Protein backbone atom coordinates (compact mmCIF):
# COMPACT_ATOMS: atom_id res chain seq x y z
CA MET A 1 -103.00 -96.29 -54.57
CA PHE A 2 -101.52 -95.06 -57.90
CA ALA A 3 -98.84 -92.91 -56.71
CA LEU A 4 -97.08 -95.12 -54.27
CA LEU A 5 -96.82 -97.87 -57.64
CA ALA A 6 -95.92 -94.61 -59.67
CA PHE A 7 -93.39 -94.06 -56.99
CA LYS A 8 -92.08 -97.98 -56.74
CA ARG A 9 -91.60 -98.03 -60.78
CA GLN A 10 -90.08 -94.74 -61.26
CA PRO A 11 -88.89 -92.72 -58.03
CA HIS A 12 -87.69 -90.04 -59.64
CA CYS A 13 -91.14 -88.85 -60.58
CA MET A 14 -91.31 -87.81 -57.07
CA LEU A 15 -88.67 -84.88 -57.86
CA LEU A 16 -90.70 -82.69 -60.25
CA SER A 17 -92.98 -80.10 -59.33
CA GLU A 18 -96.91 -80.66 -58.06
CA GLU A 19 -97.73 -78.37 -61.19
CA LYS A 20 -95.78 -80.41 -63.62
CA ILE A 21 -97.47 -84.09 -62.11
CA THR A 22 -100.71 -82.11 -62.17
CA GLU A 23 -100.19 -80.64 -65.72
CA ALA A 24 -99.48 -83.84 -67.40
CA VAL A 25 -101.87 -86.36 -65.31
CA ASP A 26 -104.78 -83.64 -66.17
CA PHE A 27 -103.97 -83.38 -69.88
CA LEU A 28 -103.71 -87.40 -70.72
CA VAL A 29 -106.84 -88.62 -68.38
CA ASN A 30 -109.09 -85.57 -69.27
CA LYS A 31 -108.13 -85.02 -72.53
CA MET A 32 -106.98 -87.89 -74.36
CA GLY A 33 -108.91 -90.25 -71.91
CA CYS A 34 -105.76 -92.11 -70.54
CA PRO A 35 -106.89 -94.53 -67.66
CA SER A 36 -104.56 -93.53 -64.66
CA ALA A 37 -103.62 -96.82 -64.11
CA VAL A 38 -101.42 -96.47 -67.67
CA ILE A 39 -99.82 -93.33 -66.17
CA ALA A 40 -99.15 -95.59 -62.89
CA ARG A 41 -98.08 -98.66 -64.47
CA ASN A 42 -95.75 -95.95 -66.88
CA PRO A 43 -94.35 -93.19 -64.99
CA ILE A 44 -91.96 -92.30 -66.96
CA ILE A 45 -94.70 -90.77 -69.04
CA ILE A 46 -94.70 -87.59 -66.66
CA LEU A 47 -91.12 -87.08 -66.66
CA PHE A 48 -91.36 -86.08 -70.35
CA ASN A 49 -91.64 -82.38 -71.53
CA LEU A 50 -95.69 -81.84 -72.05
CA GLU A 51 -95.13 -79.46 -74.79
CA LYS A 52 -92.16 -80.65 -76.56
CA ARG A 53 -93.14 -84.45 -76.43
CA ILE A 54 -96.03 -85.57 -74.83
CA ILE A 55 -98.52 -83.46 -76.46
CA PRO A 56 -97.43 -83.55 -80.20
CA ARG A 57 -97.54 -87.21 -80.00
CA CYS A 58 -101.17 -87.46 -78.55
CA LEU A 59 -102.20 -85.40 -81.49
CA VAL A 60 -100.41 -87.93 -83.59
CA ILE A 61 -102.03 -90.31 -82.11
CA GLN A 62 -105.47 -88.59 -82.05
CA ASN A 63 -105.80 -87.48 -85.56
CA ASN A 64 -104.89 -90.47 -87.35
CA PRO A 65 -107.47 -92.44 -88.09
CA VAL A 66 -105.66 -96.09 -87.63
CA SER A 67 -105.94 -94.63 -83.95
CA GLN A 68 -109.09 -96.15 -83.24
CA ILE A 69 -107.74 -99.58 -83.26
CA LEU A 70 -105.26 -98.30 -80.92
CA SER A 71 -105.61 -99.29 -77.13
CA PHE A 72 -103.98 -97.81 -74.31
CA ASN A 73 -101.82 -100.32 -73.90
CA LEU A 74 -100.06 -99.41 -76.61
CA PHE A 75 -99.93 -95.70 -75.53
CA PRO A 76 -97.01 -95.68 -73.45
CA PRO A 77 -94.57 -96.98 -76.06
CA ILE A 78 -95.56 -94.26 -78.25
CA VAL A 79 -95.50 -91.64 -76.33
CA CYS A 80 -91.91 -92.67 -74.69
CA GLU A 81 -89.94 -93.66 -77.97
């Protein structure tokens, strides 16, 4: 279900290797606690470079004391900008 939604919103995400998709989703879901529905609604996130863009921005979110008030509704714009 989520894969179909992601494909409808961002068809290019299916051009990525299975390994890249798995690494990005694993990091976002298991390490950051991001719901998979957020990734499905914003599949462009998995198109970004994990080491250069996603991880640094997520670490800022994690280590910022204000991040406790941030919800995952704000998560995609912060990572994508």
